[in-house]
Amino acid sequence: MVTLFAALVVALAAPLVTVQPTTLQAAEVAPSRDLRVAVVGDSLSAGRSGFLGNGLDDESWMSYAQGDGIVFAGGWARAGATPDEMAAAVRPVGHVDVLVILAGTNAVRLGRSLHDERQAYERIVETIGASEVVVADIPPYRWKPEEARTYSRELRMFVASRGWRWVDPWGWARSGSGWADGVSSDGTHPADADEYERLGAAFRAIILGNTSSSA
């Protein structure tokens, strides 16, 4: 009895060690079942047509993120939309594992602050009802660079305060605080399908667990 008690004390005193997957494993190993992913955003997610409801195309990053463990579940994205407009338009999507929100560039364009838009993010999350919420950083914005950086910084703090997951899928696209050469032709969007493919690869790695991806 004494021996058993001593063994129990030793077991309880030992630290719990959790083994985390490596970055490579997180990026390459598919989940045990497909993750249903919903997307809410603006032209960066809407595709070539400017409206996600028209379907995915070669300028939809989700076209390149889906497959092998990721299923596109739906959502809402329209060119020019602010987070507030997204919140007003989005509708519930059934059985969503991960919600990805990529929104805020148009708020910056129109002179709106994160304070003006923060409730919109909350309404989007409430409407979709996903198990996990991923909020992505906005890309560089050539026309109001300082305002974009301020919005990005405040959005990151807001996301942390809500317990959501903040990610940056734009590491490959940046040079300093602006766009890398050749990545954007207009200072707002990725230049073409090749860049959206890279964005999709970054989001895919993020969704599957590699938050530091800069694919």
N, C-alpha and C. Protein backbone atom coordinates (compact mmCIF):
# COMPACT_ATOMS: atom_id res chain seq x y z
N MET A 1 0.84 -1.20 0.00
CA MET A 1 0.00 0.00 0.00
C MET A 1 0.87 1.26 0.00
N VAL A 2 1.93 1.24 0.85
CA VAL A 2 2.83 2.38 0.92
C VAL A 2 3.54 2.58 -0.41
N THR A 3 3.95 1.45 -1.01
CA THR A 3 4.63 1.53 -2.32
C THR A 3 3.72 2.12 -3.37
N LEU A 4 2.45 1.69 -3.38
CA LEU A 4 1.47 2.20 -4.35
C LEU A 4 1.24 3.69 -4.16
N PHE A 5 1.15 4.13 -2.88
CA PHE A 5 0.92 5.54 -2.59
C PHE A 5 2.11 6.38 -3.06
N ALA A 6 3.33 5.88 -2.82
CA ALA A 6 4.53 6.60 -3.23
C ALA A 6 4.59 6.74 -4.74
N ALA A 7 4.22 5.69 -5.46
CA ALA A 7 4.22 5.75 -6.92
C ALA A 7 3.22 6.76 -7.42
N LEU A 8 2.05 6.84 -6.75
CA LEU A 8 1.02 7.79 -7.15
C LEU A 8 1.50 9.22 -6.95
N VAL A 9 2.18 9.47 -5.84
CA VAL A 9 2.69 10.81 -5.57
C VAL A 9 3.70 11.22 -6.63
N VAL A 10 4.59 10.31 -7.00
CA VAL A 10 5.59 10.61 -8.03
C VAL A 10 4.94 10.91 -9.36
N ALA A 11 3.91 10.14 -9.70
CA ALA A 11 3.22 10.35 -10.98
C ALA A 11 2.54 11.70 -11.03
N LEU A 12 1.91 12.10 -9.93
CA LEU A 12 1.21 13.38 -9.90
C LEU A 12 2.18 14.55 -9.92
N ALA A 13 3.37 14.34 -9.38
CA ALA A 13 4.34 15.42 -9.31
C ALA A 13 5.07 15.64 -10.63
N ALA A 14 5.08 14.63 -11.50
CA ALA A 14 5.81 14.74 -12.76
C ALA A 14 5.13 15.73 -13.68
N PRO A 15 5.89 16.55 -14.41
CA PRO A 15 5.28 17.53 -15.32
C PRO A 15 4.62 16.85 -16.50
N LEU A 16 3.53 17.44 -16.99
CA LEU A 16 2.84 16.95 -18.17
C LEU A 16 3.52 17.51 -19.40
N VAL A 17 4.02 16.64 -20.27
CA VAL A 17 4.73 17.06 -21.47
C VAL A 17 3.83 16.84 -22.67
N THR A 18 3.55 17.89 -23.40
CA THR A 18 2.75 17.80 -24.61
C THR A 18 3.66 17.96 -25.81
N VAL A 19 3.64 16.98 -26.69
CA VAL A 19 4.48 17.03 -27.88
C VAL A 19 3.71 17.72 -28.99
N GLN A 20 4.24 18.84 -29.48
CA GLN A 20 3.61 19.58 -30.56
C GLN A 20 4.15 19.09 -31.90
N PRO A 21 3.31 19.06 -32.95
CA PRO A 21 3.81 18.69 -34.26
C PRO A 21 4.78 19.73 -34.79
N THR A 22 5.72 19.30 -35.61
CA THR A 22 6.63 20.25 -36.23
C THR A 22 5.88 21.08 -37.25
N THR A 23 6.51 22.18 -37.68
CA THR A 23 5.90 23.02 -38.71
C THR A 23 5.59 22.22 -39.96
N LEU A 24 6.51 21.35 -40.38
CA LEU A 24 6.30 20.55 -41.58
C LEU A 24 5.12 19.62 -41.40
N GLN A 25 5.03 18.98 -40.22
CA GLN A 25 3.90 18.09 -39.97
C GLN A 25 2.59 18.85 -39.99
N ALA A 26 2.57 20.01 -39.35
CA ALA A 26 1.34 20.79 -39.28
C ALA A 26 0.87 21.18 -40.67
N ALA A 27 1.81 21.48 -41.55
CA ALA A 27 1.45 21.93 -42.88
C ALA A 27 1.03 20.78 -43.79
N GLU A 28 1.59 19.57 -43.58
CA GLU A 28 1.39 18.50 -44.54
C GLU A 28 0.40 17.43 -44.11
N VAL A 29 0.19 17.24 -42.84
CA VAL A 29 -0.67 16.16 -42.38
C VAL A 29 -2.12 16.62 -42.37
N ALA A 30 -2.96 15.95 -43.16
CA ALA A 30 -4.37 16.31 -43.23
C ALA A 30 -5.08 15.88 -41.96
N PRO A 31 -6.15 16.57 -41.55
CA PRO A 31 -6.91 16.17 -40.37
C PRO A 31 -7.61 14.84 -40.60
N SER A 32 -8.10 14.24 -39.50
CA SER A 32 -8.75 12.94 -39.61
C SER A 32 -10.04 13.01 -40.40
N ARG A 33 -10.63 14.18 -40.50
CA ARG A 33 -11.79 14.40 -41.36
C ARG A 33 -11.64 15.76 -42.01
N ASP A 34 -12.38 15.98 -43.08
CA ASP A 34 -12.30 17.27 -43.77
C ASP A 34 -12.77 18.40 -42.87
N LEU A 35 -12.04 19.50 -42.88
CA LEU A 35 -12.45 20.71 -42.16
C LEU A 35 -13.33 21.55 -43.07
N ARG A 36 -14.50 21.90 -42.58
CA ARG A 36 -15.41 22.76 -43.33
C ARG A 36 -15.06 24.21 -43.02
N VAL A 37 -14.64 24.94 -44.05
CA VAL A 37 -14.12 26.30 -43.88
C VAL A 37 -15.03 27.30 -44.58
N ALA A 38 -15.47 28.31 -43.84
CA ALA A 38 -16.26 29.41 -44.39
C ALA A 38 -15.36 30.64 -44.51
N VAL A 39 -15.66 31.47 -45.50
CA VAL A 39 -14.86 32.66 -45.79
C VAL A 39 -15.76 33.88 -45.81
N VAL A 40 -15.34 34.95 -45.14
CA VAL A 40 -16.03 36.23 -45.21
C VAL A 40 -14.99 37.30 -45.50
N GLY A 41 -15.27 38.15 -46.51
CA GLY A 41 -14.28 39.15 -46.86
C GLY A 41 -14.71 40.08 -47.97
N ASP A 42 -13.70 40.66 -48.61
CA ASP A 42 -13.92 41.66 -49.67
C ASP A 42 -13.34 41.14 -50.98
N SER A 43 -12.83 42.02 -51.82
CA SER A 43 -12.31 41.60 -53.12
C SER A 43 -11.12 40.65 -53.00
N LEU A 44 -10.42 40.68 -51.88
CA LEU A 44 -9.30 39.78 -51.68
C LEU A 44 -9.73 38.33 -51.59
N SER A 45 -11.02 38.10 -51.30
CA SER A 45 -11.57 36.75 -51.21
C SER A 45 -12.67 36.48 -52.22
N ALA A 46 -13.12 37.51 -52.93
CA ALA A 46 -14.32 37.39 -53.78
C ALA A 46 -14.06 36.74 -55.12
N GLY A 47 -12.81 36.72 -55.57
CA GLY A 47 -12.51 36.15 -56.87
C GLY A 47 -12.60 37.17 -57.99
N ARG A 48 -12.35 36.70 -59.20
CA ARG A 48 -12.28 37.57 -60.36
C ARG A 48 -13.59 38.31 -60.62
N SER A 49 -14.72 37.67 -60.31
CA SER A 49 -16.03 38.29 -60.58
C SER A 49 -16.37 39.39 -59.60
N GLY A 50 -15.68 39.44 -58.46
CA GLY A 50 -15.98 40.44 -57.45
C GLY A 50 -17.06 40.04 -56.47
N PHE A 51 -17.59 38.82 -56.61
CA PHE A 51 -18.62 38.35 -55.68
C PHE A 51 -18.46 36.85 -55.48
N LEU A 52 -18.24 36.43 -54.25
CA LEU A 52 -17.99 35.03 -53.95
C LEU A 52 -19.17 34.14 -54.31
N GLY A 53 -20.38 34.71 -54.29
CA GLY A 53 -21.56 33.94 -54.64
C GLY A 53 -21.56 33.42 -56.06
N ASN A 54 -20.70 33.97 -56.91
CA ASN A 54 -20.59 33.49 -58.29
C ASN A 54 -19.71 32.26 -58.41
N GLY A 55 -19.11 31.85 -57.30
CA GLY A 55 -18.26 30.66 -57.31
C GLY A 55 -16.78 30.99 -57.27
N LEU A 56 -15.99 29.98 -56.96
CA LEU A 56 -14.54 30.14 -56.90
C LEU A 56 -13.95 30.19 -58.31
N ASP A 57 -12.86 30.93 -58.46
CA ASP A 57 -12.17 30.99 -59.75
C ASP A 57 -10.67 31.09 -59.51
N ASP A 58 -9.91 31.43 -60.55
CA ASP A 58 -8.45 31.43 -60.43
C ASP A 58 -7.90 32.59 -59.62
N GLU A 59 -8.75 33.55 -59.25
CA GLU A 59 -8.33 34.62 -58.35
C GLU A 59 -9.07 34.55 -57.01
N SER A 60 -9.51 33.35 -56.66
CA SER A 60 -10.06 33.06 -55.33
C SER A 60 -9.01 32.26 -54.56
N TRP A 61 -8.51 32.79 -53.47
CA TRP A 61 -7.47 32.06 -52.75
C TRP A 61 -7.98 30.72 -52.26
N MET A 62 -9.28 30.61 -51.98
CA MET A 62 -9.83 29.35 -51.51
C MET A 62 -9.74 28.24 -52.57
N SER A 63 -9.68 28.61 -53.84
CA SER A 63 -9.49 27.61 -54.89
C SER A 63 -8.23 26.79 -54.66
N TYR A 64 -7.22 27.43 -54.09
CA TYR A 64 -5.93 26.78 -53.89
C TYR A 64 -5.77 26.23 -52.47
N ALA A 65 -6.59 26.69 -51.55
CA ALA A 65 -6.51 26.19 -50.17
C ALA A 65 -7.31 24.91 -49.98
N GLN A 66 -8.37 24.72 -50.74
CA GLN A 66 -9.26 23.58 -50.52
C GLN A 66 -8.65 22.28 -51.06
N GLY A 67 -9.25 21.16 -50.61
CA GLY A 67 -8.80 19.84 -51.02
C GLY A 67 -7.92 19.19 -49.97
N ASP A 68 -7.90 17.84 -49.95
CA ASP A 68 -7.02 17.10 -49.05
C ASP A 68 -7.15 17.57 -47.61
N GLY A 69 -8.37 17.55 -47.10
CA GLY A 69 -8.60 17.91 -45.71
C GLY A 69 -9.34 19.21 -45.50
N ILE A 70 -9.53 20.00 -46.54
CA ILE A 70 -10.24 21.28 -46.43
C ILE A 70 -11.37 21.32 -47.44
N VAL A 71 -12.58 21.61 -46.97
CA VAL A 71 -13.76 21.75 -47.83
C VAL A 71 -14.29 23.17 -47.70
N PHE A 72 -14.54 23.81 -48.82
CA PHE A 72 -15.14 25.15 -48.80
C PHE A 72 -16.61 25.01 -48.46
N ALA A 73 -17.01 25.61 -47.32
CA ALA A 73 -18.38 25.47 -46.82
C ALA A 73 -19.29 26.60 -47.25
N GLY A 74 -18.73 27.71 -47.74
CA GLY A 74 -19.54 28.85 -48.13
C GLY A 74 -19.08 30.11 -47.43
N GLY A 75 -19.95 31.10 -47.41
CA GLY A 75 -19.62 32.38 -46.79
C GLY A 75 -20.10 33.54 -47.64
N TRP A 76 -19.42 34.66 -47.53
CA TRP A 76 -19.82 35.86 -48.27
C TRP A 76 -18.60 36.76 -48.46
N ALA A 77 -18.39 37.22 -49.68
CA ALA A 77 -17.34 38.20 -49.97
C ALA A 77 -17.73 38.98 -51.20
N ARG A 78 -17.52 40.30 -51.14
CA ARG A 78 -17.84 41.16 -52.27
C ARG A 78 -16.81 42.27 -52.37
N ALA A 79 -16.43 42.58 -53.59
CA ALA A 79 -15.47 43.66 -53.81
C ALA A 79 -15.99 44.97 -53.23
N GLY A 80 -15.14 45.68 -52.51
CA GLY A 80 -15.49 46.98 -51.96
C GLY A 80 -16.17 46.95 -50.61
N ALA A 81 -16.46 45.77 -50.08
CA ALA A 81 -17.24 45.68 -48.84
C ALA A 81 -16.41 46.01 -47.61
N THR A 82 -17.02 46.73 -46.69
CA THR A 82 -16.44 46.96 -45.37
C THR A 82 -16.90 45.84 -44.44
N PRO A 83 -16.24 45.66 -43.29
CA PRO A 83 -16.72 44.67 -42.34
C PRO A 83 -18.18 44.86 -41.96
N ASP A 84 -18.61 46.12 -41.82
CA ASP A 84 -20.00 46.38 -41.46
C ASP A 84 -20.96 45.88 -42.55
N GLU A 85 -20.59 46.07 -43.81
CA GLU A 85 -21.42 45.58 -44.91
C GLU A 85 -21.41 44.05 -44.97
N MET A 86 -20.29 43.46 -44.66
CA MET A 86 -20.23 42.00 -44.60
C MET A 86 -21.16 41.46 -43.52
N ALA A 87 -21.11 42.08 -42.36
CA ALA A 87 -21.94 41.63 -41.24
C ALA A 87 -23.42 41.73 -41.57
N ALA A 88 -23.81 42.75 -42.34
CA ALA A 88 -25.21 42.92 -42.72
C ALA A 88 -25.66 41.89 -43.75
N ALA A 89 -24.72 41.39 -44.56
CA ALA A 89 -25.08 40.52 -45.67
C ALA A 89 -24.89 39.03 -45.39
N VAL A 90 -23.96 38.68 -44.53
CA VAL A 90 -23.64 37.27 -44.33
C VAL A 90 -24.80 36.52 -43.69
N ARG A 91 -24.93 35.27 -44.05
CA ARG A 91 -25.98 34.40 -43.52
C ARG A 91 -25.35 33.17 -42.88
N PRO A 92 -26.06 32.49 -41.99
CA PRO A 92 -25.49 31.30 -41.35
C PRO A 92 -25.07 30.24 -42.36
N VAL A 93 -24.01 29.54 -42.02
CA VAL A 93 -23.51 28.42 -42.82
C VAL A 93 -23.46 27.20 -41.90
N GLY A 94 -24.00 26.09 -42.36
CA GLY A 94 -24.10 24.92 -41.49
C GLY A 94 -22.78 24.23 -41.23
N HIS A 95 -22.58 23.84 -39.98
CA HIS A 95 -21.47 22.96 -39.59
C HIS A 95 -20.11 23.48 -40.05
N VAL A 96 -19.73 24.64 -39.59
CA VAL A 96 -18.45 25.25 -39.97
C VAL A 96 -17.41 24.96 -38.89
N ASP A 97 -16.30 24.37 -39.31
CA ASP A 97 -15.19 24.13 -38.39
C ASP A 97 -14.33 25.38 -38.22
N VAL A 98 -14.02 26.04 -39.32
CA VAL A 98 -13.13 27.21 -39.29
C VAL A 98 -13.74 28.34 -40.11
N LEU A 99 -13.85 29.50 -39.50
CA LEU A 99 -14.25 30.72 -40.21
C LEU A 99 -13.01 31.57 -40.44
N VAL A 100 -12.78 31.95 -41.69
CA VAL A 100 -11.67 32.85 -42.02
C VAL A 100 -12.24 34.21 -42.42
N ILE A 101 -11.86 35.24 -41.69
CA ILE A 101 -12.27 36.62 -42.00
C ILE A 101 -11.05 37.37 -42.49
N LEU A 102 -11.14 37.89 -43.71
CA LEU A 102 -10.09 38.75 -44.28
C LEU A 102 -10.77 40.05 -44.67
N ALA A 103 -10.71 41.03 -43.77
CA ALA A 103 -11.52 42.23 -43.94
C ALA A 103 -10.85 43.43 -43.27
N GLY A 104 -11.06 44.60 -43.87
CA GLY A 104 -10.58 45.83 -43.26
C GLY A 104 -9.97 46.82 -44.22
N THR A 105 -9.50 46.36 -45.39
CA THR A 105 -8.89 47.28 -46.34
C THR A 105 -9.85 48.38 -46.77
N ASN A 106 -11.11 48.02 -47.00
CA ASN A 106 -12.08 49.02 -47.44
C ASN A 106 -12.49 49.97 -46.32
N ALA A 107 -12.41 49.50 -45.08
CA ALA A 107 -12.62 50.41 -43.96
C ALA A 107 -11.53 51.48 -43.97
N VAL A 108 -10.29 51.06 -44.17
CA VAL A 108 -9.18 52.01 -44.25
C VAL A 108 -9.39 52.97 -45.42
N ARG A 109 -9.79 52.42 -46.56
CA ARG A 109 -10.01 53.25 -47.76
C ARG A 109 -11.03 54.35 -47.50
N LEU A 110 -12.06 54.04 -46.72
CA LEU A 110 -13.15 54.99 -46.46
C LEU A 110 -12.94 55.82 -45.20
N GLY A 111 -11.78 55.67 -44.57
CA GLY A 111 -11.49 56.47 -43.39
C GLY A 111 -12.14 55.97 -42.12
N ARG A 112 -12.53 54.71 -42.10
CA ARG A 112 -13.15 54.13 -40.91
C ARG A 112 -12.07 53.45 -40.06
N SER A 113 -12.25 53.52 -38.76
CA SER A 113 -11.28 52.95 -37.84
C SER A 113 -11.75 51.57 -37.37
N LEU A 114 -10.87 50.87 -36.68
CA LEU A 114 -11.25 49.59 -36.09
C LEU A 114 -12.37 49.79 -35.07
N HIS A 115 -12.34 50.92 -34.36
CA HIS A 115 -13.41 51.22 -33.41
C HIS A 115 -14.77 51.26 -34.10
N ASP A 116 -14.81 51.78 -35.32
CA ASP A 116 -16.06 51.84 -36.08
C ASP A 116 -16.53 50.45 -36.52
N GLU A 117 -15.60 49.52 -36.69
CA GLU A 117 -15.91 48.24 -37.31
C GLU A 117 -15.90 47.05 -36.36
N ARG A 118 -15.46 47.23 -35.14
CA ARG A 118 -15.23 46.07 -34.27
C ARG A 118 -16.50 45.26 -34.04
N GLN A 119 -17.64 45.92 -33.89
CA GLN A 119 -18.88 45.17 -33.68
C GLN A 119 -19.25 44.34 -34.91
N ALA A 120 -18.82 44.79 -36.09
CA ALA A 120 -19.10 44.03 -37.31
C ALA A 120 -18.41 42.68 -37.28
N TYR A 121 -17.18 42.64 -36.82
CA TYR A 121 -16.48 41.36 -36.70
C TYR A 121 -17.23 40.43 -35.75
N GLU A 122 -17.69 40.97 -34.64
CA GLU A 122 -18.43 40.16 -33.68
C GLU A 122 -19.72 39.61 -34.28
N ARG A 123 -20.41 40.43 -35.07
CA ARG A 123 -21.65 39.98 -35.71
C ARG A 123 -21.39 38.90 -36.74
N ILE A 124 -20.31 39.02 -37.49
CA ILE A 124 -19.95 37.99 -38.46
C ILE A 124 -19.70 36.67 -37.76
N VAL A 125 -18.92 36.71 -36.71
CA VAL A 125 -18.60 35.50 -35.95
C VAL A 125 -19.86 34.87 -35.38
N GLU A 126 -20.73 35.69 -34.82
CA GLU A 126 -21.97 35.18 -34.24
C GLU A 126 -22.86 34.55 -35.30
N THR A 127 -22.94 35.15 -36.47
CA THR A 127 -23.80 34.63 -37.53
C THR A 127 -23.30 33.29 -38.05
N ILE A 128 -22.01 33.16 -38.29
CA ILE A 128 -21.46 31.92 -38.85
C ILE A 128 -21.43 30.81 -37.81
N GLY A 129 -21.06 31.13 -36.58
CA GLY A 129 -21.08 30.12 -35.52
C GLY A 129 -20.06 29.01 -35.70
N ALA A 130 -18.85 29.35 -36.11
CA ALA A 130 -17.80 28.35 -36.36
C ALA A 130 -17.16 27.88 -35.06
N SER A 131 -16.58 26.69 -35.11
CA SER A 131 -15.85 26.17 -33.96
C SER A 131 -14.58 26.98 -33.70
N GLU A 132 -13.93 27.42 -34.75
CA GLU A 132 -12.71 28.23 -34.63
C GLU A 132 -12.82 29.45 -35.54
N VAL A 133 -12.35 30.58 -35.03
CA VAL A 133 -12.38 31.83 -35.80
C VAL A 133 -10.95 32.27 -36.09
N VAL A 134 -10.66 32.46 -37.37
CA VAL A 134 -9.36 32.94 -37.82
C VAL A 134 -9.56 34.32 -38.45
N VAL A 135 -8.88 35.32 -37.93
CA VAL A 135 -8.93 36.66 -38.50
C VAL A 135 -7.56 36.99 -39.07
N ALA A 136 -7.52 37.29 -40.37
CA ALA A 136 -6.25 37.53 -41.04
C ALA A 136 -5.90 39.01 -41.07
N ASP A 137 -4.62 39.28 -41.04
CA ASP A 137 -4.12 40.64 -41.21
C ASP A 137 -4.49 41.14 -42.60
N ILE A 138 -4.68 42.45 -42.72
CA ILE A 138 -4.90 43.02 -44.04
C ILE A 138 -3.55 43.19 -44.73
N PRO A 139 -3.52 43.20 -46.06
CA PRO A 139 -2.26 43.36 -46.77
C PRO A 139 -1.80 44.82 -46.74
N PRO A 140 -0.61 45.10 -47.25
CA PRO A 140 -0.20 46.50 -47.39
C PRO A 140 -1.21 47.27 -48.24
N TYR A 141 -1.33 48.56 -47.97
CA TYR A 141 -2.27 49.40 -48.72
C TYR A 141 -1.53 50.66 -49.13
N ARG A 142 -1.16 50.73 -50.38
CA ARG A 142 -0.27 51.79 -50.88
C ARG A 142 -0.85 53.19 -50.68
N TRP A 143 -2.17 53.31 -50.71
CA TRP A 143 -2.80 54.63 -50.76
C TRP A 143 -2.95 55.27 -49.39
N LYS A 144 -3.02 54.46 -48.34
CA LYS A 144 -3.06 54.98 -46.97
C LYS A 144 -2.22 54.06 -46.09
N PRO A 145 -0.93 54.04 -46.29
CA PRO A 145 -0.09 53.05 -45.61
C PRO A 145 -0.09 53.17 -44.09
N GLU A 146 -0.04 54.39 -43.57
CA GLU A 146 0.00 54.57 -42.12
C GLU A 146 -1.32 54.16 -41.49
N GLU A 147 -2.43 54.55 -42.12
CA GLU A 147 -3.75 54.17 -41.61
C GLU A 147 -3.93 52.66 -41.64
N ALA A 148 -3.41 52.01 -42.67
CA ALA A 148 -3.51 50.55 -42.76
C ALA A 148 -2.72 49.89 -41.64
N ARG A 149 -1.55 50.41 -41.33
CA ARG A 149 -0.75 49.84 -40.25
C ARG A 149 -1.44 50.03 -38.91
N THR A 150 -2.06 51.20 -38.71
CA THR A 150 -2.79 51.44 -37.46
C THR A 150 -3.96 50.48 -37.33
N TYR A 151 -4.73 50.32 -38.41
CA TYR A 151 -5.87 49.41 -38.39
C TYR A 151 -5.40 47.99 -38.09
N SER A 152 -4.33 47.58 -38.73
CA SER A 152 -3.80 46.24 -38.53
C SER A 152 -3.39 46.02 -37.08
N ARG A 153 -2.70 46.97 -36.50
CA ARG A 153 -2.25 46.85 -35.11
C ARG A 153 -3.44 46.77 -34.16
N GLU A 154 -4.44 47.61 -34.36
CA GLU A 154 -5.61 47.61 -33.48
C GLU A 154 -6.45 46.35 -33.69
N LEU A 155 -6.53 45.88 -34.93
CA LEU A 155 -7.28 44.65 -35.20
C LEU A 155 -6.64 43.47 -34.48
N ARG A 156 -5.33 43.41 -34.51
CA ARG A 156 -4.65 42.30 -33.85
C ARG A 156 -4.94 42.29 -32.35
N MET A 157 -4.90 43.44 -31.71
CA MET A 157 -5.20 43.51 -30.28
C MET A 157 -6.66 43.13 -30.01
N PHE A 158 -7.56 43.58 -30.87
CA PHE A 158 -8.98 43.25 -30.71
C PHE A 158 -9.21 41.76 -30.84
N VAL A 159 -8.60 41.14 -31.83
CA VAL A 159 -8.75 39.69 -32.04
C VAL A 159 -8.25 38.93 -30.82
N ALA A 160 -7.12 39.33 -30.28
CA ALA A 160 -6.58 38.67 -29.09
C ALA A 160 -7.53 38.81 -27.91
N SER A 161 -8.17 39.97 -27.78
CA SER A 161 -9.08 40.19 -26.66
C SER A 161 -10.33 39.32 -26.75
N ARG A 162 -10.65 38.87 -27.95
CA ARG A 162 -11.84 38.03 -28.15
C ARG A 162 -11.50 36.54 -28.13
N GLY A 163 -10.24 36.22 -28.04
CA GLY A 163 -9.85 34.82 -28.02
C GLY A 163 -9.89 34.14 -29.37
N TRP A 164 -9.92 34.93 -30.44
CA TRP A 164 -9.87 34.37 -31.79
C TRP A 164 -8.41 34.18 -32.19
N ARG A 165 -8.21 33.66 -33.38
CA ARG A 165 -6.86 33.36 -33.85
C ARG A 165 -6.44 34.40 -34.89
N TRP A 166 -5.37 35.11 -34.59
CA TRP A 166 -4.83 36.12 -35.50
C TRP A 166 -3.75 35.48 -36.36
N VAL A 167 -3.80 35.72 -37.67
CA VAL A 167 -2.80 35.15 -38.57
C VAL A 167 -2.36 36.19 -39.60
N ASP A 168 -1.18 35.99 -40.13
CA ASP A 168 -0.65 36.85 -41.19
C ASP A 168 -0.29 35.99 -42.39
N PRO A 169 -1.15 35.98 -43.43
CA PRO A 169 -0.85 35.19 -44.63
C PRO A 169 -0.03 35.94 -45.67
N TRP A 170 0.48 37.14 -45.32
CA TRP A 170 1.08 38.04 -46.30
C TRP A 170 2.60 38.14 -46.22
N GLY A 171 3.24 37.31 -45.43
CA GLY A 171 4.68 37.43 -45.28
C GLY A 171 5.43 37.36 -46.60
N TRP A 172 4.99 36.51 -47.49
CA TRP A 172 5.63 36.35 -48.80
C TRP A 172 5.42 37.57 -49.70
N ALA A 173 4.39 38.37 -49.40
CA ALA A 173 3.99 39.48 -50.27
C ALA A 173 4.56 40.82 -49.85
N ARG A 174 5.17 40.89 -48.67
CA ARG A 174 5.62 42.17 -48.13
C ARG A 174 7.11 42.41 -48.36
N SER A 175 7.42 43.68 -48.47
CA SER A 175 8.80 44.15 -48.38
C SER A 175 8.77 45.36 -47.46
N GLY A 176 9.26 45.20 -46.24
CA GLY A 176 9.09 46.25 -45.25
C GLY A 176 7.62 46.40 -44.93
N SER A 177 7.12 47.63 -45.03
CA SER A 177 5.70 47.87 -44.76
C SER A 177 4.87 47.96 -46.03
N GLY A 178 5.49 47.69 -47.18
CA GLY A 178 4.77 47.75 -48.45
C GLY A 178 4.77 46.43 -49.17
N TRP A 179 4.29 46.45 -50.40
CA TRP A 179 4.28 45.25 -51.24
C TRP A 179 5.68 44.96 -51.77
N ALA A 180 6.01 43.68 -51.86
CA ALA A 180 7.24 43.28 -52.53
C ALA A 180 7.11 43.55 -54.03
N ASP A 181 8.22 43.73 -54.69
CA ASP A 181 8.22 44.03 -56.12
C ASP A 181 7.49 42.95 -56.91
N GLY A 182 6.58 43.38 -57.77
CA GLY A 182 5.89 42.47 -58.66
C GLY A 182 4.70 41.74 -58.09
N VAL A 183 4.44 41.88 -56.79
CA VAL A 183 3.35 41.12 -56.17
C VAL A 183 2.01 41.79 -56.39
N SER A 184 1.97 43.13 -56.40
CA SER A 184 0.72 43.87 -56.60
C SER A 184 0.92 44.90 -57.69
N SER A 185 -0.06 44.99 -58.58
CA SER A 185 0.02 45.98 -59.66
C SER A 185 -0.73 47.26 -59.32
N ASP A 186 -1.62 47.20 -58.33
CA ASP A 186 -2.42 48.38 -58.00
C ASP A 186 -2.22 48.88 -56.58
N GLY A 187 -1.36 48.23 -55.80
CA GLY A 187 -1.11 48.67 -54.44
C GLY A 187 -2.16 48.24 -53.45
N THR A 188 -3.13 47.44 -53.90
CA THR A 188 -4.22 47.00 -53.03
C THR A 188 -4.41 45.49 -53.06
N HIS A 189 -4.29 44.89 -54.25
CA HIS A 189 -4.57 43.47 -54.45
C HIS A 189 -3.35 42.72 -54.97
N PRO A 190 -3.30 41.41 -54.75
CA PRO A 190 -2.31 40.60 -55.48
C PRO A 190 -2.50 40.79 -56.98
N ALA A 191 -1.41 40.70 -57.73
CA ALA A 191 -1.43 41.09 -59.14
C ALA A 191 -2.26 40.16 -60.02
N ASP A 192 -2.15 38.84 -59.80
CA ASP A 192 -2.84 37.93 -60.71
C ASP A 192 -3.02 36.57 -60.05
N ALA A 193 -3.42 35.58 -60.84
CA ALA A 193 -3.74 34.26 -60.30
C ALA A 193 -2.55 33.61 -59.59
N ASP A 194 -1.34 33.84 -60.08
CA ASP A 194 -0.16 33.25 -59.43
C ASP A 194 -0.02 33.73 -57.99
N GLU A 195 -0.28 35.01 -57.77
CA GLU A 195 -0.19 35.54 -56.40
C GLU A 195 -1.33 35.02 -55.52
N TYR A 196 -2.53 34.89 -56.09
CA TYR A 196 -3.63 34.32 -55.31
C TYR A 196 -3.37 32.85 -54.97
N GLU A 197 -2.65 32.15 -55.84
CA GLU A 197 -2.27 30.78 -55.53
C GLU A 197 -1.34 30.74 -54.32
N ARG A 198 -0.41 31.67 -54.26
CA ARG A 198 0.49 31.74 -53.11
C ARG A 198 -0.27 32.12 -51.84
N LEU A 199 -1.23 33.03 -51.98
CA LEU A 199 -2.07 33.39 -50.83
C LEU A 199 -2.87 32.18 -50.36
N GLY A 200 -3.42 31.42 -51.30
CA GLY A 200 -4.16 30.22 -50.94
C GLY A 200 -3.30 29.19 -50.26
N ALA A 201 -2.06 29.03 -50.71
CA ALA A 201 -1.15 28.09 -50.07
C ALA A 201 -0.85 28.52 -48.64
N ALA A 202 -0.69 29.83 -48.43
CA ALA A 202 -0.45 30.34 -47.08
C ALA A 202 -1.65 30.08 -46.18
N PHE A 203 -2.85 30.34 -46.69
CA PHE A 203 -4.05 30.09 -45.89
C PHE A 203 -4.23 28.59 -45.63
N ARG A 204 -3.92 27.77 -46.59
CA ARG A 204 -4.05 26.33 -46.39
C ARG A 204 -3.18 25.87 -45.21
N ALA A 205 -1.92 26.31 -45.21
CA ALA A 205 -1.03 25.96 -44.12
C ALA A 205 -1.54 26.49 -42.79
N ILE A 206 -2.08 27.71 -42.80
CA ILE A 206 -2.65 28.30 -41.59
C ILE A 206 -3.81 27.47 -41.07
N ILE A 207 -4.73 27.12 -41.95
CA ILE A 207 -5.93 26.37 -41.55
C ILE A 207 -5.55 25.01 -40.98
N LEU A 208 -4.54 24.38 -41.57
CA LEU A 208 -4.11 23.06 -41.11
C LEU A 208 -3.17 23.12 -39.91
N GLY A 209 -2.86 24.34 -39.45
CA GLY A 209 -2.15 24.45 -38.20
C GLY A 209 -0.84 25.17 -38.21
N ASN A 210 -0.31 25.54 -39.38
CA ASN A 210 0.98 26.22 -39.45
C ASN A 210 0.78 27.72 -39.53
N THR A 211 0.63 28.38 -38.38
CA THR A 211 0.28 29.80 -38.35
C THR A 211 1.41 30.70 -38.82
N SER A 212 2.62 30.20 -38.89
CA SER A 212 3.74 31.06 -39.29
C SER A 212 4.05 30.96 -40.77
N SER A 213 3.15 30.34 -41.54
CA SER A 213 3.45 30.11 -42.94
C SER A 213 3.65 31.40 -43.71
N SER A 214 4.61 31.38 -44.60
CA SER A 214 4.80 32.46 -45.56
C SER A 214 4.99 31.86 -46.94
N ALA A 215 4.18 30.87 -47.27
CA ALA A 215 4.33 30.10 -48.51
C ALA A 215 4.30 31.00 -49.72
